[in-house]
Amino acid sequence: MMSKTEVLEIAGNVTSWLIEAGDKLRPGVNHISKVDTKSSRNDLVTNEDVSIEKLLDGHIRQTYPDAQIMGEENKAERPQNLHGLVFFVDPIDGTLNFVRKHDCFASMIGVYYDGEPVFGGILDVMNKDLYWGGPLLGVYRNDVKLDAVADCPLADGLIGASWRQLFTNRFNLGTIGYHASGVRILGSAGLEFVQLLNGRHVGYVSTLNPWDFAAGSILAEALGFETGSVSGYRLSLLRPADYVVMTPNAMKTFRKLAYA
């Protein structure tokens, strides 16, 4: 268990690093010099992804030399356990948007200690909005503290989803979307969490890697959302997951419909 003083120190460091990353990324949208593919033609990595992750990793290693880092681009050094401080780093969440739209992407860092949530930070890069906080601090958008989530039912709210899962009707998402007010697809897990934190959506469903959901889960849970795997099993921070986050009321309906 970390003290509030220790968490505040992490908060100051992580927020300053994310702001620095954003300051580099905004002009970077006009200077993308290299674009490669990973698992598919729409799973992209750019020179900016690599550069920003190196920047953030460097800050973490200098400030917390004993910490572990789970980064999207650095596959060689991914942790095999959750002992001590672990930083989950996503330098550009929504790289396809970054390349094709020059907009609608985020930078994220989630921090856990012995597997327990400590601090999350999500930077909506182009809008210059930083969402940060955790269980000991509450959740903030820049300097404004956000209220706990209203426990809206699924029928009264929008949900976010991955286009792949929606189009293939995984987890019965077509039916779930029908029972909600509608479905929206943003192409960035970080910005899907932003919709939740601002009370614009009641849920989000997707297949995500740990760096995609680590920071957002911390912030969402601190505001009263429930998180978990679609199947109901405990989430692992060490491997991909079929992930769901919703208001408690919406989650009840989701659980009934996901495999109906």
C-alpha atoms as a PDB file:
ATOM      1  CA  MET A   1       0.000   0.000   0.000  1.00  0.00           C
ATOM      2  CA  MET A   2       1.402   3.370  -1.005  1.00  0.00           C
ATOM      3  CA  SER A   3       0.872   6.511   1.067  1.00  0.00           C
ATOM      4  CA  LYS A   4      -0.983   9.514  -0.311  1.00  0.00           C
ATOM      5  CA  THR A   5       2.288  11.463  -0.249  1.00  0.00           C
ATOM      6  CA  GLU A   6       3.946   8.834  -2.437  1.00  0.00           C
ATOM      7  CA  VAL A   7       0.979   8.790  -4.807  1.00  0.00           C
ATOM      8  CA  LEU A   8       1.030  12.587  -5.093  1.00  0.00           C
ATOM      9  CA  GLU A   9       4.691  12.415  -6.075  1.00  0.00           C
ATOM     10  CA  ILE A  10       3.870   9.879  -8.790  1.00  0.00           C
ATOM     11  CA  ALA A  11       0.977  12.076  -9.917  1.00  0.00           C
ATOM     12  CA  GLY A  12       3.233  15.093 -10.316  1.00  0.00           C
ATOM     13  CA  ASN A  13       5.793  13.131 -12.302  1.00  0.00           C
ATOM     14  CA  VAL A  14       3.385  11.273 -14.590  1.00  0.00           C
ATOM     15  CA  THR A  15       1.276  14.321 -15.413  1.00  0.00           C
ATOM     16  CA  SER A  16       4.375  16.347 -16.312  1.00  0.00           C
ATOM     17  CA  TRP A  17       5.629  13.513 -18.547  1.00  0.00           C
ATOM     18  CA  LEU A  18       2.302  13.228 -20.351  1.00  0.00           C
ATOM     19  CA  ILE A  19       2.158  16.979 -20.922  1.00  0.00           C
ATOM     20  CA  GLU A  20       5.670  16.832 -22.376  1.00  0.00           C
ATOM     21  CA  ALA A  21       4.630  13.939 -24.639  1.00  0.00           C
ATOM     22  CA  GLY A  22       1.620  15.904 -25.852  1.00  0.00           C
ATOM     23  CA  ASP A  23       3.749  18.956 -26.619  1.00  0.00           C
ATOM     24  CA  LYS A  24       5.911  16.764 -28.844  1.00  0.00           C
ATOM     25  CA  LEU A  25       3.037  14.881 -30.472  1.00  0.00           C
ATOM     26  CA  ARG A  26       0.937  17.830 -31.596  1.00  0.00           C
ATOM     27  CA  PRO A  27       3.539  19.083 -34.088  1.00  0.00           C
ATOM     28  CA  GLY A  28       4.481  15.447 -34.720  1.00  0.00           C
ATOM     29  CA  VAL A  29       1.234  14.802 -36.602  1.00  0.00           C
ATOM     30  CA  ASN A  30       2.748  16.778 -39.468  1.00  0.00           C
ATOM     31  CA  HIS A  31       6.099  14.983 -39.352  1.00  0.00           C
ATOM     32  CA  ILE A  32       5.276  11.277 -39.544  1.00  0.00           C
ATOM     33  CA  SER A  33       8.330   9.929 -41.335  1.00  0.00           C
ATOM     34  CA  LYS A  34       7.842   6.174 -40.892  1.00  0.00           C
ATOM     35  CA  VAL A  35       4.725   4.013 -40.719  1.00  0.00           C
ATOM     36  CA  ASP A  36       4.962   0.232 -40.290  1.00  0.00           C
ATOM     37  CA  THR A  37       2.322  -2.441 -39.748  1.00  0.00           C
ATOM     38  CA  LYS A  38       2.196  -4.933 -36.894  1.00  0.00           C
ATOM     39  CA  SER A  39      -0.561  -7.564 -36.715  1.00  0.00           C
ATOM     40  CA  SER A  40      -2.562  -6.224 -39.682  1.00  0.00           C
ATOM     41  CA  ARG A  41      -2.645  -3.432 -42.258  1.00  0.00           C
ATOM     42  CA  ASN A  42      -4.620  -1.244 -39.838  1.00  0.00           C
ATOM     43  CA  ASP A  43      -2.443  -2.020 -36.797  1.00  0.00           C
ATOM     44  CA  LEU A  44       0.163   0.698 -37.266  1.00  0.00           C
ATOM     45  CA  VAL A  45       3.289   1.910 -35.521  1.00  0.00           C
ATOM     46  CA  THR A  46       5.064   5.139 -36.420  1.00  0.00           C
ATOM     47  CA  ASN A  47       8.347   6.833 -35.630  1.00  0.00           C
ATOM     48  CA  GLU A  48       6.393   8.969 -33.153  1.00  0.00           C
ATOM     49  CA  ASP A  49       5.097   5.915 -31.226  1.00  0.00           C
ATOM     50  CA  VAL A  50       8.644   4.680 -30.750  1.00  0.00           C
ATOM     51  CA  SER A  51      10.066   8.111 -29.940  1.00  0.00           C
ATOM     52  CA  ILE A  52       7.425   8.985 -27.337  1.00  0.00           C
ATOM     53  CA  GLU A  53       7.634   5.591 -25.647  1.00  0.00           C
ATOM     54  CA  LYS A  54      11.418   5.989 -25.361  1.00  0.00           C
ATOM     55  CA  LEU A  55      10.869   9.432 -23.848  1.00  0.00           C
ATOM     56  CA  LEU A  56       8.408   8.141 -21.256  1.00  0.00           C
ATOM     57  CA  ASP A  57      10.444   5.011 -20.499  1.00  0.00           C
ATOM     58  CA  GLY A  58      13.516   7.174 -19.956  1.00  0.00           C
ATOM     59  CA  HIS A  59      11.717   9.340 -17.407  1.00  0.00           C
ATOM     60  CA  ILE A  60      10.376   6.288 -15.577  1.00  0.00           C
ATOM     61  CA  ARG A  61      13.758   4.514 -15.436  1.00  0.00           C
ATOM     62  CA  GLN A  62      15.541   7.621 -14.218  1.00  0.00           C
ATOM     63  CA  THR A  63      12.978   8.409 -11.515  1.00  0.00           C
ATOM     64  CA  TYR A  64      11.964   4.866 -10.485  1.00  0.00           C
ATOM     65  CA  PRO A  65      14.918   2.626 -11.418  1.00  0.00           C
ATOM     66  CA  ASP A  66      13.430  -0.449  -9.713  1.00  0.00           C
ATOM     67  CA  ALA A  67      10.045  -0.185 -11.440  1.00  0.00           C
ATOM     68  CA  GLN A  68       8.859  -2.477 -14.212  1.00  0.00           C
ATOM     69  CA  ILE A  69       7.450  -1.113 -17.472  1.00  0.00           C
ATOM     70  CA  MET A  70       4.768  -2.684 -19.656  1.00  0.00           C
ATOM     71  CA  GLY A  71       5.011  -0.708 -22.899  1.00  0.00           C
ATOM     72  CA  GLU A  72       3.211  -1.202 -26.178  1.00  0.00           C
ATOM     73  CA  GLU A  73       6.290  -0.966 -28.394  1.00  0.00           C
ATOM     74  CA  ASN A  74       8.986  -2.445 -26.126  1.00  0.00           C
ATOM     75  CA  LYS A  75       8.171  -6.143 -26.331  1.00  0.00           C
ATOM     76  CA  ALA A  76      11.554  -7.362 -25.066  1.00  0.00           C
ATOM     77  CA  GLU A  77      11.212  -6.025 -21.506  1.00  0.00           C
ATOM     78  CA  ARG A  78       7.589  -6.683 -20.638  1.00  0.00           C
ATOM     79  CA  PRO A  79       7.168  -7.837 -17.027  1.00  0.00           C
ATOM     80  CA  GLN A  80       6.165 -11.370 -16.110  1.00  0.00           C
ATOM     81  CA  ASN A  81       4.787 -10.412 -12.697  1.00  0.00           C
ATOM     82  CA  LEU A  82       3.269  -7.404 -10.935  1.00  0.00           C
ATOM     83  CA  HIS A  83       5.721  -7.084  -8.049  1.00  0.00           C
ATOM     84  CA  GLY A  84       6.448  -3.535  -6.893  1.00  0.00           C
ATOM     85  CA  LEU A  85       5.763  -0.526  -9.074  1.00  0.00           C
ATOM     86  CA  VAL A  86       4.613  -1.313 -12.612  1.00  0.00           C
ATOM     87  CA  PHE A  87       4.054   1.410 -15.227  1.00  0.00           C
ATOM     88  CA  PHE A  88       1.772   0.674 -18.197  1.00  0.00           C
ATOM     89  CA  VAL A  89       2.700   2.967 -21.097  1.00  0.00           C
ATOM     90  CA  ASP A  90       0.758   3.631 -24.289  1.00  0.00           C
ATOM     91  CA  PRO A  91       2.549   6.435 -26.155  1.00  0.00           C
ATOM     92  CA  ILE A  92      -0.103   6.860 -28.872  1.00  0.00           C
ATOM     93  CA  ASP A  93      -3.422   5.172 -28.252  1.00  0.00           C
ATOM     94  CA  GLY A  94      -5.251   5.353 -31.568  1.00  0.00           C
ATOM     95  CA  THR A  95      -2.288   5.288 -33.948  1.00  0.00           C
ATOM     96  CA  LEU A  96      -4.556   4.717 -36.952  1.00  0.00           C
ATOM     97  CA  ASN A  97      -6.382   7.956 -36.083  1.00  0.00           C
ATOM     98  CA  PHE A  98      -3.031   9.671 -35.555  1.00  0.00           C
ATOM     99  CA  VAL A  99      -1.918   8.687 -39.063  1.00  0.00           C
ATOM    100  CA  ARG A 100      -5.187   9.019 -41.001  1.00  0.00           C
ATOM    101  CA  LYS A 101      -6.946  11.870 -39.148  1.00  0.00           C
ATOM    102  CA  HIS A 102      -4.176  13.654 -37.226  1.00  0.00           C
ATOM    103  CA  ASP A 103      -6.674  13.717 -34.366  1.00  0.00           C
ATOM    104  CA  CYS A 104      -8.600  11.506 -31.910  1.00  0.00           C
ATOM    105  CA  PHE A 105      -5.703   9.848 -30.080  1.00  0.00           C
ATOM    106  CA  ALA A 106      -4.358   9.784 -26.533  1.00  0.00           C
ATOM    107  CA  SER A 107      -1.249   9.123 -24.479  1.00  0.00           C
ATOM    108  CA  MET A 108      -1.679   7.034 -21.329  1.00  0.00           C
ATOM    109  CA  ILE A 109       0.214   5.864 -18.271  1.00  0.00           C
ATOM    110  CA  GLY A 110      -1.250   3.591 -15.598  1.00  0.00           C
ATOM    111  CA  VAL A 111       0.636   2.851 -12.385  1.00  0.00           C
ATOM    112  CA  TYR A 112       0.078  -0.172 -10.138  1.00  0.00           C
ATOM    113  CA  TYR A 113       1.850  -1.367  -6.998  1.00  0.00           C
ATOM    114  CA  ASP A 114       1.840  -5.125  -6.347  1.00  0.00           C
ATOM    115  CA  GLY A 115      -1.092  -5.339  -8.753  1.00  0.00           C
ATOM    116  CA  GLU A 116      -3.189  -2.712  -6.969  1.00  0.00           C
ATOM    117  CA  PRO A 117      -4.250   0.540  -8.724  1.00  0.00           C
ATOM    118  CA  VAL A 118      -2.266   3.647  -7.801  1.00  0.00           C
ATOM    119  CA  PHE A 119      -2.546   6.315 -10.492  1.00  0.00           C
ATOM    120  CA  GLY A 120      -3.859   6.762 -14.012  1.00  0.00           C
ATOM    121  CA  GLY A 121      -3.274   9.499 -16.549  1.00  0.00           C
ATOM    122  CA  ILE A 122      -4.905   9.939 -19.964  1.00  0.00           C
ATOM    123  CA  LEU A 123      -3.996  12.875 -22.187  1.00  0.00           C
ATOM    124  CA  ASP A 124      -6.465  13.806 -24.928  1.00  0.00           C
ATOM    125  CA  VAL A 125      -3.565  15.120 -26.976  1.00  0.00           C
ATOM    126  CA  MET A 126      -5.130  17.432 -29.530  1.00  0.00           C
ATOM    127  CA  ASN A 127      -7.667  18.889 -27.083  1.00  0.00           C
ATOM    128  CA  LYS A 128      -4.969  19.367 -24.404  1.00  0.00           C
ATOM    129  CA  ASP A 129      -7.179  17.790 -21.732  1.00  0.00           C
ATOM    130  CA  LEU A 130      -5.442  15.711 -19.072  1.00  0.00           C
ATOM    131  CA  TYR A 131      -7.482  13.227 -17.035  1.00  0.00           C
ATOM    132  CA  TRP A 132      -5.657  12.007 -13.943  1.00  0.00           C
ATOM    133  CA  GLY A 133      -6.141  10.540 -10.493  1.00  0.00           C
ATOM    134  CA  GLY A 134      -6.820   7.324  -8.668  1.00  0.00           C
ATOM    135  CA  PRO A 135      -8.424   5.751  -5.591  1.00  0.00           C
ATOM    136  CA  LEU A 136      -6.594   8.018  -3.111  1.00  0.00           C
ATOM    137  CA  LEU A 137      -6.881  11.232  -5.110  1.00  0.00           C
ATOM    138  CA  GLY A 138     -10.193  11.245  -6.946  1.00  0.00           C
ATOM    139  CA  VAL A 139     -10.304  12.030 -10.668  1.00  0.00           C
ATOM    140  CA  TYR A 140      -9.575  15.349 -12.363  1.00  0.00           C
ATOM    141  CA  ARG A 141      -9.876  16.858 -15.819  1.00  0.00           C
ATOM    142  CA  ASN A 142      -6.972  19.306 -15.767  1.00  0.00           C
ATOM    143  CA  ASP A 143      -7.664  21.184 -12.486  1.00  0.00           C
ATOM    144  CA  VAL A 144     -11.375  20.330 -12.161  1.00  0.00           C
ATOM    145  CA  LYS A 145     -12.394  17.433  -9.936  1.00  0.00           C
ATOM    146  CA  LEU A 146     -14.971  15.172 -11.575  1.00  0.00           C
ATOM    147  CA  ASP A 147     -18.082  13.920  -9.798  1.00  0.00           C
ATOM    148  CA  ALA A 148     -18.819  10.266  -9.218  1.00  0.00           C
ATOM    149  CA  VAL A 149     -20.668   8.613 -12.077  1.00  0.00           C
ATOM    150  CA  ALA A 150     -24.464   8.620 -12.189  1.00  0.00           C
ATOM    151  CA  ASP A 151     -25.534   4.974 -12.144  1.00  0.00           C
ATOM    152  CA  CYS A 152     -27.478   5.078 -15.412  1.00  0.00           C
ATOM    153  CA  PRO A 153     -29.063   1.928 -16.845  1.00  0.00           C
ATOM    154  CA  LEU A 154     -27.939   0.590 -20.204  1.00  0.00           C
ATOM    155  CA  ALA A 155     -31.168   1.745 -21.871  1.00  0.00           C
ATOM    156  CA  ASP A 156     -30.485   5.380 -20.963  1.00  0.00           C
ATOM    157  CA  GLY A 157     -26.959   5.684 -22.314  1.00  0.00           C
ATOM    158  CA  LEU A 158     -24.569   5.220 -25.209  1.00  0.00           C
ATOM    159  CA  ILE A 159     -21.844   2.603 -25.212  1.00  0.00           C
ATOM    160  CA  GLY A 160     -18.485   2.571 -26.953  1.00  0.00           C
ATOM    161  CA  ALA A 161     -17.218  -0.495 -28.781  1.00  0.00           C
ATOM    162  CA  SER A 162     -14.511  -1.831 -31.051  1.00  0.00           C
ATOM    163  CA  TRP A 163     -15.635  -1.981 -34.678  1.00  0.00           C
ATOM    164  CA  ARG A 164     -14.280  -5.513 -35.058  1.00  0.00           C
ATOM    165  CA  GLN A 165     -16.349  -6.850 -32.167  1.00  0.00           C
ATOM    166  CA  LEU A 166     -19.441  -4.926 -33.229  1.00  0.00           C
ATOM    167  CA  PHE A 167     -19.323  -5.962 -36.886  1.00  0.00           C
ATOM    168  CA  THR A 168     -18.775  -9.623 -36.009  1.00  0.00           C
ATOM    169  CA  ASN A 169     -21.371  -9.477 -33.181  1.00  0.00           C
ATOM    170  CA  ARG A 170     -18.954 -10.796 -30.592  1.00  0.00           C
ATOM    171  CA  PHE A 171     -20.389 -10.907 -27.059  1.00  0.00           C
ATOM    172  CA  ASN A 172     -23.829 -10.363 -28.642  1.00  0.00           C
ATOM    173  CA  LEU A 173     -22.906  -6.699 -29.098  1.00  0.00           C
ATOM    174  CA  GLY A 174     -25.606  -6.106 -31.692  1.00  0.00           C
ATOM    175  CA  THR A 175     -28.294  -6.981 -29.163  1.00  0.00           C
ATOM    176  CA  ILE A 176     -26.531  -5.078 -26.393  1.00  0.00           C
ATOM    177  CA  GLY A 177     -26.289  -2.001 -28.620  1.00  0.00           C
ATOM    178  CA  TYR A 178     -29.998  -2.324 -29.403  1.00  0.00           C
ATOM    179  CA  HIS A 179     -30.819  -2.330 -25.686  1.00  0.00           C
ATOM    180  CA  ALA A 180     -28.605   0.746 -25.144  1.00  0.00           C
ATOM    181  CA  SER A 181     -29.320   4.187 -26.590  1.00  0.00           C
ATOM    182  CA  GLY A 182     -26.791   3.407 -29.317  1.00  0.00           C
ATOM    183  CA  VAL A 183     -23.191   2.469 -30.070  1.00  0.00           C
ATOM    184  CA  ARG A 184     -20.272   4.796 -30.871  1.00  0.00           C
ATOM    185  CA  ILE A 185     -16.833   3.841 -32.250  1.00  0.00           C
ATOM    186  CA  LEU A 186     -13.918   6.215 -31.599  1.00  0.00           C
ATOM    187  CA  GLY A 187     -10.872   4.094 -32.446  1.00  0.00           C
ATOM    188  CA  SER A 188      -9.040   4.984 -29.224  1.00  0.00           C
ATOM    189  CA  ALA A 189      -9.523   3.202 -25.900  1.00  0.00           C
ATOM    190  CA  GLY A 190      -8.196   6.262 -24.081  1.00  0.00           C
ATOM    191  CA  LEU A 191     -10.815   8.518 -25.631  1.00  0.00           C
ATOM    192  CA  GLU A 192     -13.523   5.935 -24.940  1.00  0.00           C
ATOM    193  CA  PHE A 193     -12.574   6.224 -21.268  1.00  0.00           C
ATOM    194  CA  VAL A 194     -12.757  10.017 -21.602  1.00  0.00           C
ATOM    195  CA  GLN A 195     -16.392   9.654 -22.700  1.00  0.00           C
ATOM    196  CA  LEU A 196     -17.104   7.584 -19.607  1.00  0.00           C
ATOM    197  CA  LEU A 197     -15.334   9.960 -17.229  1.00  0.00           C
ATOM    198  CA  ASN A 198     -17.342  12.879 -18.597  1.00  0.00           C
ATOM    199  CA  GLY A 199     -20.635  11.009 -18.215  1.00  0.00           C
ATOM    200  CA  ARG A 200     -21.307  10.858 -21.965  1.00  0.00           C
ATOM    201  CA  HIS A 201     -21.288   7.044 -22.208  1.00  0.00           C
ATOM    202  CA  VAL A 202     -22.423   4.359 -19.774  1.00  0.00           C
ATOM    203  CA  GLY A 203     -20.054   1.661 -21.009  1.00  0.00           C
ATOM    204  CA  TYR A 204     -17.317   0.432 -23.306  1.00  0.00           C
ATOM    205  CA  VAL A 205     -16.578  -3.058 -24.643  1.00  0.00           C
ATOM    206  CA  SER A 206     -13.477  -4.134 -26.575  1.00  0.00           C
ATOM    207  CA  THR A 207     -10.599  -6.594 -26.756  1.00  0.00           C
ATOM    208  CA  LEU A 208      -7.668  -4.693 -25.293  1.00  0.00           C
ATOM    209  CA  ASN A 209      -4.055  -5.061 -24.233  1.00  0.00           C
ATOM    210  CA  PRO A 210      -3.072  -4.116 -20.656  1.00  0.00           C
ATOM    211  CA  TRP A 211      -1.584  -0.758 -21.731  1.00  0.00           C
ATOM    212  CA  ASP A 212      -4.937   0.032 -23.397  1.00  0.00           C
ATOM    213  CA  PHE A 213      -7.005  -0.362 -20.225  1.00  0.00           C
ATOM    214  CA  ALA A 214      -4.608   0.043 -17.266  1.00  0.00           C
ATOM    215  CA  ALA A 215      -4.866   3.822 -16.850  1.00  0.00           C
ATOM    216  CA  GLY A 216      -8.533   4.042 -17.828  1.00  0.00           C
ATOM    217  CA  SER A 217      -9.580   1.306 -15.414  1.00  0.00           C
ATOM    218  CA  ILE A 218      -8.007   3.161 -12.500  1.00  0.00           C
ATOM    219  CA  LEU A 219      -9.843   6.372 -13.348  1.00  0.00           C
ATOM    220  CA  ALA A 220     -13.158   4.706 -14.174  1.00  0.00           C
ATOM    221  CA  GLU A 221     -13.192   2.621 -10.984  1.00  0.00           C
ATOM    222  CA  ALA A 222     -12.403   5.725  -8.913  1.00  0.00           C
ATOM    223  CA  LEU A 223     -15.591   7.328 -10.285  1.00  0.00           C
ATOM    224  CA  GLY A 224     -17.775   4.294  -9.578  1.00  0.00           C
ATOM    225  CA  PHE A 225     -17.674   2.290 -12.817  1.00  0.00           C
ATOM    226  CA  GLU A 226     -17.331  -1.481 -12.734  1.00  0.00           C
ATOM    227  CA  THR A 227     -14.624  -3.127 -14.831  1.00  0.00           C
ATOM    228  CA  GLY A 228     -13.900  -6.713 -15.716  1.00  0.00           C
ATOM    229  CA  SER A 229     -13.635  -9.321 -18.425  1.00  0.00           C
ATOM    230  CA  VAL A 230     -16.628  -9.956 -20.656  1.00  0.00           C
ATOM    231  CA  SER A 231     -16.743 -13.555 -19.438  1.00  0.00           C
ATOM    232  CA  GLY A 232     -16.759 -12.460 -15.795  1.00  0.00           C
ATOM    233  CA  TYR A 233     -13.332 -13.826 -14.941  1.00  0.00           C
ATOM    234  CA  ARG A 234     -10.794 -11.698 -13.096  1.00  0.00           C
ATOM    235  CA  LEU A 235      -8.802  -9.417 -15.393  1.00  0.00           C
ATOM    236  CA  SER A 236      -5.087  -9.973 -15.813  1.00  0.00           C
ATOM    237  CA  LEU A 237      -2.765  -7.005 -16.242  1.00  0.00           C
ATOM    238  CA  LEU A 238      -0.230  -9.222 -18.004  1.00  0.00           C
ATOM    239  CA  ARG A 239      -2.213 -10.328 -21.072  1.00  0.00           C
ATOM    240  CA  PRO A 240      -4.905  -9.148 -23.506  1.00  0.00           C
ATOM    241  CA  ALA A 241      -8.500  -9.298 -22.344  1.00  0.00           C
ATOM    242  CA  ASP A 242     -12.057  -9.111 -23.626  1.00  0.00           C
ATOM    243  CA  TYR A 243     -12.727  -6.022 -21.544  1.00  0.00           C
ATOM    244  CA  VAL A 244     -15.864  -4.280 -20.325  1.00  0.00           C
ATOM    245  CA  VAL A 245     -16.391  -1.156 -18.207  1.00  0.00           C
ATOM    246  CA  MET A 246     -19.892   0.081 -17.355  1.00  0.00           C
ATOM    247  CA  THR A 247     -21.984   1.716 -14.690  1.00  0.00           C
ATOM    248  CA  PRO A 248     -23.080  -0.901 -12.141  1.00  0.00           C
ATOM    249  CA  ASN A 249     -26.675  -0.675 -13.388  1.00  0.00           C
ATOM    250  CA  ALA A 250     -25.693  -1.067 -17.038  1.00  0.00           C
ATOM    251  CA  MET A 251     -23.317  -3.915 -16.156  1.00  0.00           C
ATOM    252  CA  LYS A 252     -26.188  -5.975 -14.746  1.00  0.00           C
ATOM    253  CA  THR A 253     -28.015  -5.834 -18.069  1.00  0.00           C
ATOM    254  CA  PHE A 254     -24.820  -6.427 -20.021  1.00  0.00           C
ATOM    255  CA  ARG A 255     -24.101  -9.615 -18.070  1.00  0.00           C
ATOM    256  CA  LYS A 256     -27.557 -10.953 -18.903  1.00  0.00           C
ATOM    257  CA  LEU A 257     -27.226 -10.185 -22.611  1.00  0.00           C
ATOM    258  CA  ALA A 258     -23.539 -10.872 -23.423  1.00  0.00           C
ATOM    259  CA  TYR A 259     -24.000 -14.603 -24.026  1.00  0.00           C
ATOM    260  CA  ALA A 260     -27.799 -14.792 -24.261  1.00  0.00           C
END
